[in-house]
Amino acid sequence: MKKDGLLLITLPFVWYQHEKPNDFARYTEFGISHLLRKHNFEIIVHEKSSSFFETTVQMVISYIYEAVFPKNTAVKIFLSVIFIAPLNIFGIIGRKIFPRNYDFYLNHIIVAKKK
C-alpha cells in the first residue's frame, strides 16, 4: 500500500465457526493495534460492532438458529419471524437500558492510514 493510503477492514472477534475450513483467527483490539503499528499504519477509527449485551443476545440467536431450528429453509424463515425477530428487538432495547461494556463484542471495524 502506498503512503497515505487508507485501509478499511472488519475482523470477527466472537462468532461461531463459519467459512469452514478457512476460519483461522480471532484478534483482540490489542493484537490488531500491534500488527497495524508494526506494519506502519496509523489507526484512525477502531470501533467494536456491538456491546456485551448485544453480543450475548446475538450468540443466543445464533445458537437457536443453527442448532435448534430444523434444517428446512422455509421452516427456519417462519420460526425466525416468531422467535428471532423478538429476540433482536430485545437486544436493541436492552442496548439502551443496560450499561455499555465492550469487552465482549462481535467484530472490529477499523480505518487505518499507511505512514
PDB file of N, CA and C in Angstrom:
ATOM      1  N   MET A   1       0.842  -1.165   0.000  1.00  0.00           N
ATOM      2  CA  MET A   1       0.000   0.000   0.000  1.00  0.00           C
ATOM      3  C   MET A   1       0.899   1.244   0.000  1.00  0.00           C
ATOM      4  N   LYS A   2       0.493   2.233  -0.765  1.00  0.00           N
ATOM      5  CA  LYS A   2       1.256   3.476  -0.839  1.00  0.00           C
ATOM      6  C   LYS A   2       1.089   4.303   0.433  1.00  0.00           C
ATOM      7  N   LYS A   3       2.057   5.181   0.680  1.00  0.00           N
ATOM      8  CA  LYS A   3       1.989   6.095   1.815  1.00  0.00           C
ATOM      9  C   LYS A   3       0.698   6.909   1.736  1.00  0.00           C
ATOM     10  N   ASP A   4       0.065   7.129   2.858  1.00  0.00           N
ATOM     11  CA  ASP A   4      -1.204   7.849   2.998  1.00  0.00           C
ATOM     12  C   ASP A   4      -2.409   7.087   2.445  1.00  0.00           C
ATOM     13  N   GLY A   5      -2.205   5.851   2.018  1.00  0.00           N
ATOM     14  CA  GLY A   5      -3.330   5.029   1.577  1.00  0.00           C
ATOM     15  C   GLY A   5      -4.192   4.644   2.764  1.00  0.00           C
ATOM     16  N   LEU A   6      -5.483   4.492   2.530  1.00  0.00           N
ATOM     17  CA  LEU A   6      -6.417   4.137   3.604  1.00  0.00           C
ATOM     18  C   LEU A   6      -6.785   2.659   3.516  1.00  0.00           C
ATOM     19  N   LEU A   7      -6.911   2.062   4.676  1.00  0.00           N
ATOM     20  CA  LEU A   7      -7.280   0.661   4.801  1.00  0.00           C
ATOM     21  C   LEU A   7      -8.575   0.588   5.603  1.00  0.00           C
ATOM     22  N   LEU A   8      -9.570  -0.097   5.072  1.00  0.00           N
ATOM     23  CA  LEU A   8     -10.821  -0.342   5.791  1.00  0.00           C
ATOM     24  C   LEU A   8     -10.939  -1.845   5.958  1.00  0.00           C
ATOM     25  N   ILE A   9     -10.978  -2.301   7.203  1.00  0.00           N
ATOM     26  CA  ILE A   9     -11.117  -3.734   7.450  1.00  0.00           C
ATOM     27  C   ILE A   9     -12.142  -3.982   8.555  1.00  0.00           C
ATOM     28  N   THR A  10     -12.774  -5.129   8.464  1.00  0.00           N
ATOM     29  CA  THR A  10     -13.593  -5.632   9.563  1.00  0.00           C
ATOM     30  C   THR A  10     -13.050  -7.014   9.887  1.00  0.00           C
ATOM     31  N   LEU A  11     -12.966  -7.304  11.167  1.00  0.00           N
ATOM     32  CA  LEU A  11     -12.444  -8.592  11.613  1.00  0.00           C
ATOM     33  C   LEU A  11     -13.377  -9.170  12.662  1.00  0.00           C
ATOM     34  N   PRO A  12     -13.678 -10.459  12.573  1.00  0.00           N
ATOM     35  CA  PRO A  12     -14.512 -11.077  13.603  1.00  0.00           C
ATOM     36  C   PRO A  12     -13.742 -11.239  14.899  1.00  0.00           C
ATOM     37  N   PHE A  13     -14.460 -11.177  15.996  1.00  0.00           N
ATOM     38  CA  PHE A  13     -13.849 -11.458  17.293  1.00  0.00           C
ATOM     39  C   PHE A  13     -14.576 -12.642  17.939  1.00  0.00           C
ATOM     40  N   VAL A  14     -15.851 -12.489  18.203  1.00  0.00           N
ATOM     41  CA  VAL A  14     -16.626 -13.574  18.790  1.00  0.00           C
ATOM     42  C   VAL A  14     -17.697 -13.971  17.785  1.00  0.00           C
ATOM     43  N   TRP A  15     -17.587 -15.160  17.287  1.00  0.00           N
ATOM     44  CA  TRP A  15     -18.587 -15.661  16.360  1.00  0.00           C
ATOM     45  C   TRP A  15     -18.386 -17.147  16.192  1.00  0.00           C
ATOM     46  N   TYR A  16     -19.424 -17.863  15.840  1.00  0.00           N
ATOM     47  CA  TYR A  16     -19.291 -19.296  15.623  1.00  0.00           C
ATOM     48  C   TYR A  16     -18.403 -19.540  14.402  1.00  0.00           C
ATOM     49  N   GLN A  17     -17.877 -20.749  14.286  1.00  0.00           N
ATOM     50  CA  GLN A  17     -17.056 -21.071  13.120  1.00  0.00           C
ATOM     51  C   GLN A  17     -17.890 -20.911  11.868  1.00  0.00           C
ATOM     52  N   HIS A  18     -17.327 -20.214  10.911  1.00  0.00           N
ATOM     53  CA  HIS A  18     -18.016 -20.043   9.644  1.00  0.00           C
ATOM     54  C   HIS A  18     -16.962 -20.037   8.549  1.00  0.00           C
ATOM     55  N   GLU A  19     -17.386 -20.011   7.338  1.00  0.00           N
ATOM     56  CA  GLU A  19     -16.475 -20.089   6.204  1.00  0.00           C
ATOM     57  C   GLU A  19     -15.509 -21.254   6.382  1.00  0.00           C
ATOM     58  N   LYS A  20     -16.027 -22.355   6.915  1.00  0.00           N
ATOM     59  CA  LYS A  20     -15.211 -23.547   7.152  1.00  0.00           C
ATOM     60  C   LYS A  20     -14.648 -24.053   5.827  1.00  0.00           C
ATOM     61  N   PRO A  21     -13.450 -24.467   5.735  1.00  0.00           N
ATOM     62  CA  PRO A  21     -12.422 -24.602   6.776  1.00  0.00           C
ATOM     63  C   PRO A  21     -11.460 -23.416   6.804  1.00  0.00           C
ATOM     64  N   ASN A  22     -11.893 -22.240   6.397  1.00  0.00           N
ATOM     65  CA  ASN A  22     -10.998 -21.087   6.282  1.00  0.00           C
ATOM     66  C   ASN A  22     -11.166 -20.058   7.392  1.00  0.00           C
ATOM     67  N   ASP A  23     -11.701 -20.447   8.527  1.00  0.00           N
ATOM     68  CA  ASP A  23     -11.878 -19.551   9.668  1.00  0.00           C
ATOM     69  C   ASP A  23     -10.678 -19.757  10.596  1.00  0.00           C
ATOM     70  N   PHE A  24      -9.668 -18.875  10.510  1.00  0.00           N
ATOM     71  CA  PHE A  24      -8.386 -19.128  11.150  1.00  0.00           C
ATOM     72  C   PHE A  24      -8.089 -18.365  12.435  1.00  0.00           C
ATOM     73  N   ALA A  25      -8.672 -17.193  12.660  1.00  0.00           N
ATOM     74  CA  ALA A  25      -8.176 -16.415  13.794  1.00  0.00           C
ATOM     75  C   ALA A  25      -9.204 -15.430  14.333  1.00  0.00           C
ATOM     76  N   ARG A  26      -8.992 -15.082  15.581  1.00  0.00           N
ATOM     77  CA  ARG A  26      -9.728 -14.010  16.246  1.00  0.00           C
ATOM     78  C   ARG A  26      -8.675 -13.075  16.837  1.00  0.00           C
ATOM     79  N   TYR A  27      -8.813 -11.808  16.611  1.00  0.00           N
ATOM     80  CA  TYR A  27      -7.838 -10.841  17.084  1.00  0.00           C
ATOM     81  C   TYR A  27      -8.469  -9.895  18.096  1.00  0.00           C
ATOM     82  N   THR A  28      -7.763  -9.660  19.194  1.00  0.00           N
ATOM     83  CA  THR A  28      -8.213  -8.656  20.160  1.00  0.00           C
ATOM     84  C   THR A  28      -7.853  -7.281  19.613  1.00  0.00           C
ATOM     85  N   GLU A  29      -8.403  -6.247  20.224  1.00  0.00           N
ATOM     86  CA  GLU A  29      -8.055  -4.888  19.799  1.00  0.00           C
ATOM     87  C   GLU A  29      -6.566  -4.624  19.983  1.00  0.00           C
ATOM     88  N   PHE A  30      -5.966  -5.263  20.972  1.00  0.00           N
ATOM     89  CA  PHE A  30      -4.539  -5.065  21.240  1.00  0.00           C
ATOM     90  C   PHE A  30      -3.681  -5.757  20.190  1.00  0.00           C
ATOM     91  N   GLY A  31      -4.082  -6.961  19.801  1.00  0.00           N
ATOM     92  CA  GLY A  31      -3.347  -7.681  18.763  1.00  0.00           C
ATOM     93  C   GLY A  31      -3.420  -6.975  17.424  1.00  0.00           C
ATOM     94  N   ILE A  32      -4.598  -6.475  17.076  1.00  0.00           N
ATOM     95  CA  ILE A  32      -4.759  -5.753  15.803  1.00  0.00           C
ATOM     96  C   ILE A  32      -3.943  -4.470  15.827  1.00  0.00           C
ATOM     97  N   SER A  33      -4.016  -3.714  16.919  1.00  0.00           N
ATOM     98  CA  SER A  33      -3.247  -2.466  17.025  1.00  0.00           C
ATOM     99  C   SER A  33      -1.757  -2.748  16.883  1.00  0.00           C
ATOM    100  N   HIS A  34      -1.305  -3.786  17.536  1.00  0.00           N
ATOM    101  CA  HIS A  34       0.112  -4.156  17.451  1.00  0.00           C
ATOM    102  C   HIS A  34       0.509  -4.472  16.008  1.00  0.00           C
ATOM    103  N   LEU A  35      -0.285  -5.281  15.331  1.00  0.00           N
ATOM    104  CA  LEU A  35       0.038  -5.650  13.943  1.00  0.00           C
ATOM    105  C   LEU A  35       0.016  -4.444  13.007  1.00  0.00           C
ATOM    106  N   LEU A  36      -0.962  -3.578  13.175  1.00  0.00           N
ATOM    107  CA  LEU A  36      -1.040  -2.410  12.302  1.00  0.00           C
ATOM    108  C   LEU A  36       0.129  -1.455  12.541  1.00  0.00           C
ATOM    109  N   ARG A  37       0.452  -1.189  13.807  1.00  0.00           N
ATOM    110  CA  ARG A  37       1.599  -0.317  14.108  1.00  0.00           C
ATOM    111  C   ARG A  37       2.902  -0.927  13.592  1.00  0.00           C
ATOM    112  N   LYS A  38       3.050  -2.226  13.758  1.00  0.00           N
ATOM    113  CA  LYS A  38       4.250  -2.933  13.300  1.00  0.00           C
ATOM    114  C   LYS A  38       4.462  -2.763  11.797  1.00  0.00           C
ATOM    115  N   HIS A  39       3.353  -2.641  11.063  1.00  0.00           N
ATOM    116  CA  HIS A  39       3.427  -2.508   9.604  1.00  0.00           C
ATOM    117  C   HIS A  39       3.163  -1.070   9.140  1.00  0.00           C
ATOM    118  N   ASN A  40       3.461  -0.121  10.017  1.00  0.00           N
ATOM    119  CA  ASN A  40       3.408   1.315   9.713  1.00  0.00           C
ATOM    120  C   ASN A  40       2.033   1.844   9.333  1.00  0.00           C
ATOM    121  N   PHE A  41       1.036   1.461  10.105  1.00  0.00           N
ATOM    122  CA  PHE A  41      -0.297   2.014   9.934  1.00  0.00           C
ATOM    123  C   PHE A  41      -0.650   2.846  11.157  1.00  0.00           C
ATOM    124  N   GLU A  42      -1.353   3.925  10.920  1.00  0.00           N
ATOM    125  CA  GLU A  42      -1.908   4.750  11.987  1.00  0.00           C
ATOM    126  C   GLU A  42      -3.406   4.452  12.029  1.00  0.00           C
ATOM    127  N   ILE A  43      -3.901   4.062  13.184  1.00  0.00           N
ATOM    128  CA  ILE A  43      -5.324   3.749  13.317  1.00  0.00           C
ATOM    129  C   ILE A  43      -6.094   5.052  13.452  1.00  0.00           C
ATOM    130  N   ILE A  44      -7.015   5.269  12.530  1.00  0.00           N
ATOM    131  CA  ILE A  44      -7.850   6.472  12.542  1.00  0.00           C
ATOM    132  C   ILE A  44      -9.139   6.203  13.310  1.00  0.00           C
ATOM    133  N   VAL A  45      -9.768   5.077  13.034  1.00  0.00           N
ATOM    134  CA  VAL A  45     -11.007   4.671  13.704  1.00  0.00           C
ATOM    135  C   VAL A  45     -10.885   3.193  14.051  1.00  0.00           C
ATOM    136  N   HIS A  46     -11.251   2.862  15.277  1.00  0.00           N
ATOM    137  CA  HIS A  46     -11.343   1.450  15.674  1.00  0.00           C
ATOM    138  C   HIS A  46     -12.563   1.329  16.571  1.00  0.00           C
ATOM    139  N   GLU A  47     -13.605   0.730  16.022  1.00  0.00           N
ATOM    140  CA  GLU A  47     -14.853   0.562  16.767  1.00  0.00           C
ATOM    141  C   GLU A  47     -15.170  -0.919  16.890  1.00  0.00           C
ATOM    142  N   LYS A  48     -15.965  -1.217  17.895  1.00  0.00           N
ATOM    143  CA  LYS A  48     -16.476  -2.578  18.072  1.00  0.00           C
ATOM    144  C   LYS A  48     -17.943  -2.547  17.672  1.00  0.00           C
ATOM    145  N   SER A  49     -18.371  -3.578  16.960  1.00  0.00           N
ATOM    146  CA  SER A  49     -19.703  -3.532  16.358  1.00  0.00           C
ATOM    147  C   SER A  49     -20.847  -3.756  17.332  1.00  0.00           C
ATOM    148  N   SER A  50     -20.558  -4.219  18.534  1.00  0.00           N
ATOM    149  CA  SER A  50     -21.647  -4.459  19.483  1.00  0.00           C
ATOM    150  C   SER A  50     -21.104  -4.461  20.906  1.00  0.00           C
ATOM    151  N   SER A  51     -22.018  -4.278  21.849  1.00  0.00           N
ATOM    152  CA  SER A  51     -21.653  -4.304  23.262  1.00  0.00           C
ATOM    153  C   SER A  51     -21.820  -5.728  23.802  1.00  0.00           C
ATOM    154  N   PHE A  52     -21.443  -5.909  25.065  1.00  0.00           N
ATOM    155  CA  PHE A  52     -21.542  -7.215  25.721  1.00  0.00           C
ATOM    156  C   PHE A  52     -22.973  -7.754  25.651  1.00  0.00           C
ATOM    157  N   PHE A  53     -23.946  -6.896  25.985  1.00  0.00           N
ATOM    158  CA  PHE A  53     -25.345  -7.335  25.991  1.00  0.00           C
ATOM    159  C   PHE A  53     -25.801  -7.761  24.603  1.00  0.00           C
ATOM    160  N   GLU A  54     -25.545  -6.929  23.612  1.00  0.00           N
ATOM    161  CA  GLU A  54     -25.953  -7.250  22.232  1.00  0.00           C
ATOM    162  C   GLU A  54     -25.282  -8.521  21.732  1.00  0.00           C
ATOM    163  N   THR A  55     -24.017  -8.683  22.070  1.00  0.00           N
ATOM    164  CA  THR A  55     -23.282  -9.866  21.635  1.00  0.00           C
ATOM    165  C   THR A  55     -23.861 -11.122  22.267  1.00  0.00           C
ATOM    166  N   THR A  56     -24.193 -11.046  23.541  1.00  0.00           N
ATOM    167  CA  THR A  56     -24.787 -12.190  24.230  1.00  0.00           C
ATOM    168  C   THR A  56     -26.116 -12.579  23.587  1.00  0.00           C
ATOM    169  N   VAL A  57     -26.952 -11.589  23.299  1.00  0.00           N
ATOM    170  CA  VAL A  57     -28.238 -11.867  22.638  1.00  0.00           C
ATOM    171  C   VAL A  57     -27.987 -12.486  21.259  1.00  0.00           C
ATOM    172  N   GLN A  58     -27.014 -11.946  20.532  1.00  0.00           N
ATOM    173  CA  GLN A  58     -26.715 -12.477  19.196  1.00  0.00           C
ATOM    174  C   GLN A  58     -26.208 -13.919  19.265  1.00  0.00           C
ATOM    175  N   MET A  59     -25.438 -14.251  20.289  1.00  0.00           N
ATOM    176  CA  MET A  59     -24.952 -15.629  20.455  1.00  0.00           C
ATOM    177  C   MET A  59     -26.124 -16.586  20.713  1.00  0.00           C
ATOM    178  N   VAL A  60     -27.077 -16.149  21.537  1.00  0.00           N
ATOM    179  CA  VAL A  60     -28.268 -16.972  21.796  1.00  0.00           C
ATOM    180  C   VAL A  60     -29.051 -17.166  20.495  1.00  0.00           C
ATOM    181  N   ILE A  61     -29.234 -16.092  19.743  1.00  0.00           N
ATOM    182  CA  ILE A  61     -29.943 -16.168  18.462  1.00  0.00           C
ATOM    183  C   ILE A  61     -29.227 -17.123  17.516  1.00  0.00           C
ATOM    184  N   SER A  62     -27.925 -17.009  17.431  1.00  0.00           N
ATOM    185  CA  SER A  62     -27.142 -17.865  16.547  1.00  0.00           C
ATOM    186  C   SER A  62     -27.289 -19.333  16.932  1.00  0.00           C
ATOM    187  N   TYR A  63     -27.239 -19.607  18.230  1.00  0.00           N
ATOM    188  CA  TYR A  63     -27.397 -20.979  18.698  1.00  0.00           C
ATOM    189  C   TYR A  63     -28.774 -21.529  18.320  1.00  0.00           C
ATOM    190  N   ILE A  64     -29.802 -20.763  18.588  1.00  0.00           N
ATOM    191  CA  ILE A  64     -31.162 -21.209  18.262  1.00  0.00           C
ATOM    192  C   ILE A  64     -31.284 -21.470  16.761  1.00  0.00           C
ATOM    193  N   TYR A  65     -30.801 -20.536  15.950  1.00  0.00           N
ATOM    194  CA  TYR A  65     -30.933 -20.647  14.501  1.00  0.00           C
ATOM    195  C   TYR A  65     -30.147 -21.832  13.950  1.00  0.00           C
ATOM    196  N   GLU A  66     -28.935 -22.036  14.441  1.00  0.00           N
ATOM    197  CA  GLU A  66     -28.072 -23.077  13.891  1.00  0.00           C
ATOM    198  C   GLU A  66     -28.289 -24.458  14.510  1.00  0.00           C
ATOM    199  N   ALA A  67     -28.562 -24.517  15.811  1.00  0.00           N
ATOM    200  CA  ALA A  67     -28.606 -25.811  16.493  1.00  0.00           C
ATOM    201  C   ALA A  67     -30.003 -26.303  16.841  1.00  0.00           C
ATOM    202  N   VAL A  68     -30.951 -25.383  17.003  1.00  0.00           N
ATOM    203  CA  VAL A  68     -32.287 -25.783  17.454  1.00  0.00           C
ATOM    204  C   VAL A  68     -33.271 -25.878  16.287  1.00  0.00           C
ATOM    205  N   PHE A  69     -33.254 -24.879  15.436  1.00  0.00           N
ATOM    206  CA  PHE A  69     -34.189 -24.870  14.308  1.00  0.00           C
ATOM    207  C   PHE A  69     -33.887 -26.027  13.346  1.00  0.00           C
ATOM    208  N   PRO A  70     -34.938 -26.555  12.690  1.00  0.00           N
ATOM    209  CA  PRO A  70     -34.709 -27.606  11.697  1.00  0.00           C
ATOM    210  C   PRO A  70     -33.955 -27.053  10.490  1.00  0.00           C
ATOM    211  N   LYS A  71     -33.409 -27.937   9.686  1.00  0.00           N
ATOM    212  CA  LYS A  71     -32.593 -27.529   8.526  1.00  0.00           C
ATOM    213  C   LYS A  71     -33.429 -26.952   7.380  1.00  0.00           C
ATOM    214  N   ASN A  72     -34.691 -27.221   7.334  1.00  0.00           N
ATOM    215  CA  ASN A  72     -35.568 -26.749   6.263  1.00  0.00           C
ATOM    216  C   ASN A  72     -35.609 -25.222   6.238  1.00  0.00           C
ATOM    217  N   THR A  73     -35.220 -24.639   5.110  1.00  0.00           N
ATOM    218  CA  THR A  73     -35.120 -23.184   4.981  1.00  0.00           C
ATOM    219  C   THR A  73     -36.455 -22.480   5.199  1.00  0.00           C
ATOM    220  N   ALA A  74     -37.511 -22.993   4.638  1.00  0.00           N
ATOM    221  CA  ALA A  74     -38.827 -22.356   4.780  1.00  0.00           C
ATOM    222  C   ALA A  74     -39.265 -22.343   6.244  1.00  0.00           C
ATOM    223  N   VAL A  75     -39.042 -23.438   6.935  1.00  0.00           N
ATOM    224  CA  VAL A  75     -39.407 -23.518   8.352  1.00  0.00           C
ATOM    225  C   VAL A  75     -38.536 -22.565   9.168  1.00  0.00           C
ATOM    226  N   LYS A  76     -37.236 -22.482   8.837  1.00  0.00           N
ATOM    227  CA  LYS A  76     -36.340 -21.553   9.542  1.00  0.00           C
ATOM    228  C   LYS A  76     -36.823 -20.113   9.395  1.00  0.00           C
ATOM    229  N   ILE A  77     -37.230 -19.743   8.201  1.00  0.00           N
ATOM    230  CA  ILE A  77     -37.724 -18.383   7.963  1.00  0.00           C
ATOM    231  C   ILE A  77     -38.978 -18.127   8.794  1.00  0.00           C
ATOM    232  N   PHE A  78     -39.894 -19.063   8.790  1.00  0.00           N
ATOM    233  CA  PHE A  78     -41.129 -18.937   9.562  1.00  0.00           C
ATOM    234  C   PHE A  78     -40.824 -18.803  11.057  1.00  0.00           C
ATOM    235  N   LEU A  79     -39.972 -19.688  11.581  1.00  0.00           N
ATOM    236  CA  LEU A  79     -39.627 -19.651  13.001  1.00  0.00           C
ATOM    237  C   LEU A  79     -38.834 -18.394  13.372  1.00  0.00           C
ATOM    238  N   SER A  80     -38.068 -17.888  12.429  1.00  0.00           N
ATOM    239  CA  SER A  80     -37.292 -16.664  12.686  1.00  0.00           C
ATOM    240  C   SER A  80     -38.205 -15.487  12.958  1.00  0.00           C
ATOM    241  N   VAL A  81     -39.290 -15.398  12.215  1.00  0.00           N
ATOM    242  CA  VAL A  81     -40.238 -14.303  12.426  1.00  0.00           C
ATOM    243  C   VAL A  81     -40.844 -14.397  13.824  1.00  0.00           C
ATOM    244  N   ILE A  82     -41.119 -15.604  14.264  1.00  0.00           N
ATOM    245  CA  ILE A  82     -41.768 -15.804  15.565  1.00  0.00           C
ATOM    246  C   ILE A  82     -40.793 -15.661  16.737  1.00  0.00           C
ATOM    247  N   PHE A  83     -39.579 -16.218  16.597  1.00  0.00           N
ATOM    248  CA  PHE A  83     -38.651 -16.260  17.732  1.00  0.00           C
ATOM    249  C   PHE A  83     -37.465 -15.302  17.615  1.00  0.00           C
ATOM    250  N   ILE A  84     -36.862 -15.239  16.449  1.00  0.00           N
ATOM    251  CA  ILE A  84     -35.624 -14.468  16.293  1.00  0.00           C
ATOM    252  C   ILE A  84     -35.899 -12.963  16.265  1.00  0.00           C
ATOM    253  N   ALA A  85     -36.930 -12.551  15.556  1.00  0.00           N
ATOM    254  CA  ALA A  85     -37.244 -11.115  15.481  1.00  0.00           C
ATOM    255  C   ALA A  85     -37.480 -10.524  16.878  1.00  0.00           C
ATOM    256  N   PRO A  86     -38.287 -11.155  17.729  1.00  0.00           N
ATOM    257  CA  PRO A  86     -38.459 -10.596  19.079  1.00  0.00           C
ATOM    258  C   PRO A  86     -37.155 -10.554  19.888  1.00  0.00           C
ATOM    259  N   LEU A  87     -36.294 -11.558  19.714  1.00  0.00           N
ATOM    260  CA  LEU A  87     -35.012 -11.538  20.420  1.00  0.00           C
ATOM    261  C   LEU A  87     -34.136 -10.380  19.934  1.00  0.00           C
ATOM    262  N   ASN A  88     -34.153 -10.119  18.631  1.00  0.00           N
ATOM    263  CA  ASN A  88     -33.413  -8.970  18.102  1.00  0.00           C
ATOM    264  C   ASN A  88     -33.944  -7.660  18.674  1.00  0.00           C
ATOM    265  N   ILE A  89     -35.247  -7.537  18.758  1.00  0.00           N
ATOM    266  CA  ILE A  89     -35.853  -6.334  19.339  1.00  0.00           C
ATOM    267  C   ILE A  89     -35.448  -6.205  20.805  1.00  0.00           C
ATOM    268  N   PHE A  90     -35.455  -7.325  21.531  1.00  0.00           N
ATOM    269  CA  PHE A  90     -35.000  -7.344  22.923  1.00  0.00           C
ATOM    270  C   PHE A  90     -33.548  -6.858  23.018  1.00  0.00           C
ATOM    271  N   GLY A  91     -32.699  -7.302  22.104  1.00  0.00           N
ATOM    272  CA  GLY A  91     -31.299  -6.862  22.082  1.00  0.00           C
ATOM    273  C   GLY A  91     -31.165  -5.375  21.840  1.00  0.00           C
ATOM    274  N   ILE A  92     -31.960  -4.852  20.936  1.00  0.00           N
ATOM    275  CA  ILE A  92     -31.919  -3.413  20.625  1.00  0.00           C
ATOM    276  C   ILE A  92     -32.381  -2.586  21.828  1.00  0.00           C
ATOM    277  N   ILE A  93     -33.454  -3.029  22.463  1.00  0.00           N
ATOM    278  CA  ILE A  93     -33.959  -2.305  23.640  1.00  0.00           C
ATOM    279  C   ILE A  93     -32.978  -2.435  24.807  1.00  0.00           C
ATOM    280  N   GLY A  94     -32.469  -3.636  25.028  1.00  0.00           N
ATOM    281  CA  GLY A  94     -31.520  -3.865  26.118  1.00  0.00           C
ATOM    282  C   GLY A  94     -30.257  -3.039  25.968  1.00  0.00           C
ATOM    283  N   ARG A  95     -29.854  -2.810  24.737  1.00  0.00           N
ATOM    284  CA  ARG A  95     -28.675  -1.982  24.456  1.00  0.00           C
ATOM    285  C   ARG A  95     -28.842  -0.582  25.048  1.00  0.00           C
ATOM    286  N   LYS A  96     -30.073  -0.085  25.008  1.00  0.00           N
ATOM    287  CA  LYS A  96     -30.352   1.262  25.521  1.00  0.00           C
ATOM    288  C   LYS A  96     -30.463   1.289  27.049  1.00  0.00           C
ATOM    289  N   ILE A  97     -30.841   0.152  27.639  1.00  0.00           N
ATOM    290  CA  ILE A  97     -31.108   0.094  29.074  1.00  0.00           C
ATOM    291  C   ILE A  97     -29.872  -0.290  29.889  1.00  0.00           C
ATOM    292  N   PHE A  98     -29.187  -1.346  29.468  1.00  0.00           N
ATOM    293  CA  PHE A  98     -28.075  -1.889  30.247  1.00  0.00           C
ATOM    294  C   PHE A  98     -26.785  -1.105  30.020  1.00  0.00           C
ATOM    295  N   PRO A  99     -25.905  -1.094  31.029  1.00  0.00           N
ATOM    296  CA  PRO A  99     -24.629  -0.379  30.887  1.00  0.00           C
ATOM    297  C   PRO A  99     -23.823  -0.927  29.705  1.00  0.00           C
ATOM    298  N   ARG A 100     -23.127  -0.047  29.023  1.00  0.00           N
ATOM    299  CA  ARG A 100     -22.302  -0.437  27.885  1.00  0.00           C
ATOM    300  C   ARG A 100     -20.998  -1.055  28.390  1.00  0.00           C
ATOM    301  N   ASN A 101     -20.677  -2.208  27.864  1.00  0.00           N
ATOM    302  CA  ASN A 101     -19.419  -2.887  28.150  1.00  0.00           C
ATOM    303  C   ASN A 101     -18.962  -3.464  26.828  1.00  0.00           C
ATOM    304  N   TYR A 102     -17.764  -3.109  26.403  1.00  0.00           N
ATOM    305  CA  TYR A 102     -17.279  -3.543  25.094  1.00  0.00           C
ATOM    306  C   TYR A 102     -16.142  -4.558  25.192  1.00  0.00           C
ATOM    307  N   ASP A 103     -16.108  -5.335  26.287  1.00  0.00           N
ATOM    308  CA  ASP A 103     -15.088  -6.371  26.415  1.00  0.00           C
ATOM    309  C   ASP A 103     -15.493  -7.669  25.713  1.00  0.00           C
ATOM    310  N   PHE A 104     -16.752  -7.816  25.373  1.00  0.00           N
ATOM    311  CA  PHE A 104     -17.265  -8.977  24.643  1.00  0.00           C
ATOM    312  C   PHE A 104     -18.043  -8.403  23.471  1.00  0.00           C
ATOM    313  N   TYR A 105     -17.572  -8.642  22.259  1.00  0.00           N
ATOM    314  CA  TYR A 105     -18.140  -7.989  21.086  1.00  0.00           C
ATOM    315  C   TYR A 105     -18.016  -8.894  19.875  1.00  0.00           C
ATOM    316  N   LEU A 106     -18.722  -8.546  18.812  1.00  0.00           N
ATOM    317  CA  LEU A 106     -18.728  -9.407  17.621  1.00  0.00           C
ATOM    318  C   LEU A 106     -17.599  -9.106  16.643  1.00  0.00           C
ATOM    319  N   ASN A 107     -17.428  -7.864  16.278  1.00  0.00           N
ATOM    320  CA  ASN A 107     -16.480  -7.536  15.203  1.00  0.00           C
ATOM    321  C   ASN A 107     -15.748  -6.224  15.471  1.00  0.00           C
ATOM    322  N   HIS A 108     -14.594  -6.103  14.843  1.00  0.00           N
ATOM    323  CA  HIS A 108     -13.846  -4.854  14.802  1.00  0.00           C
ATOM    324  C   HIS A 108     -14.167  -4.153  13.486  1.00  0.00           C
ATOM    325  N   ILE A 109     -14.238  -2.843  13.532  1.00  0.00           N
ATOM    326  CA  ILE A 109     -14.345  -2.024  12.320  1.00  0.00           C
ATOM    327  C   ILE A 109     -13.198  -1.028  12.411  1.00  0.00           C
ATOM    328  N   ILE A 110     -12.294  -1.081  11.429  1.00  0.00           N
ATOM    329  CA  ILE A 110     -11.060  -0.294  11.529  1.00  0.00           C
ATOM    330  C   ILE A 110     -10.794   0.460  10.238  1.00  0.00           C
ATOM    331  N   VAL A 111     -10.429   1.721  10.409  1.00  0.00           N
ATOM    332  CA  VAL A 111      -9.897   2.529   9.308  1.00  0.00           C
ATOM    333  C   VAL A 111      -8.492   2.907   9.742  1.00  0.00           C
ATOM    334  N   ALA A 112      -7.518   2.609   8.888  1.00  0.00           N
ATOM    335  CA  ALA A 112      -6.126   2.918   9.209  1.00  0.00           C
ATOM    336  C   ALA A 112      -5.468   3.573   8.002  1.00  0.00           C
ATOM    337  N   LYS A 113      -4.419   4.340   8.282  1.00  0.00           N
ATOM    338  CA  LYS A 113      -3.699   5.062   7.232  1.00  0.00           C
ATOM    339  C   LYS A 113      -2.251   4.600   7.216  1.00  0.00           C
ATOM    340  N   LYS A 114      -1.740   4.319   6.032  1.00  0.00           N
ATOM    341  CA  LYS A 114      -0.352   3.895   5.878  1.00  0.00           C
ATOM    342  C   LYS A 114       0.558   5.100   6.076  1.00  0.00           C
ATOM    343  N   LYS A 115       1.553   4.949   6.954  1.00  0.00           N
ATOM    344  CA  LYS A 115       2.515   6.041   7.220  1.00  0.00           C
ATOM    345  C   LYS A 115       3.606   6.038   6.165  1.00  0.00           C
TER     346      LYS A 115
END
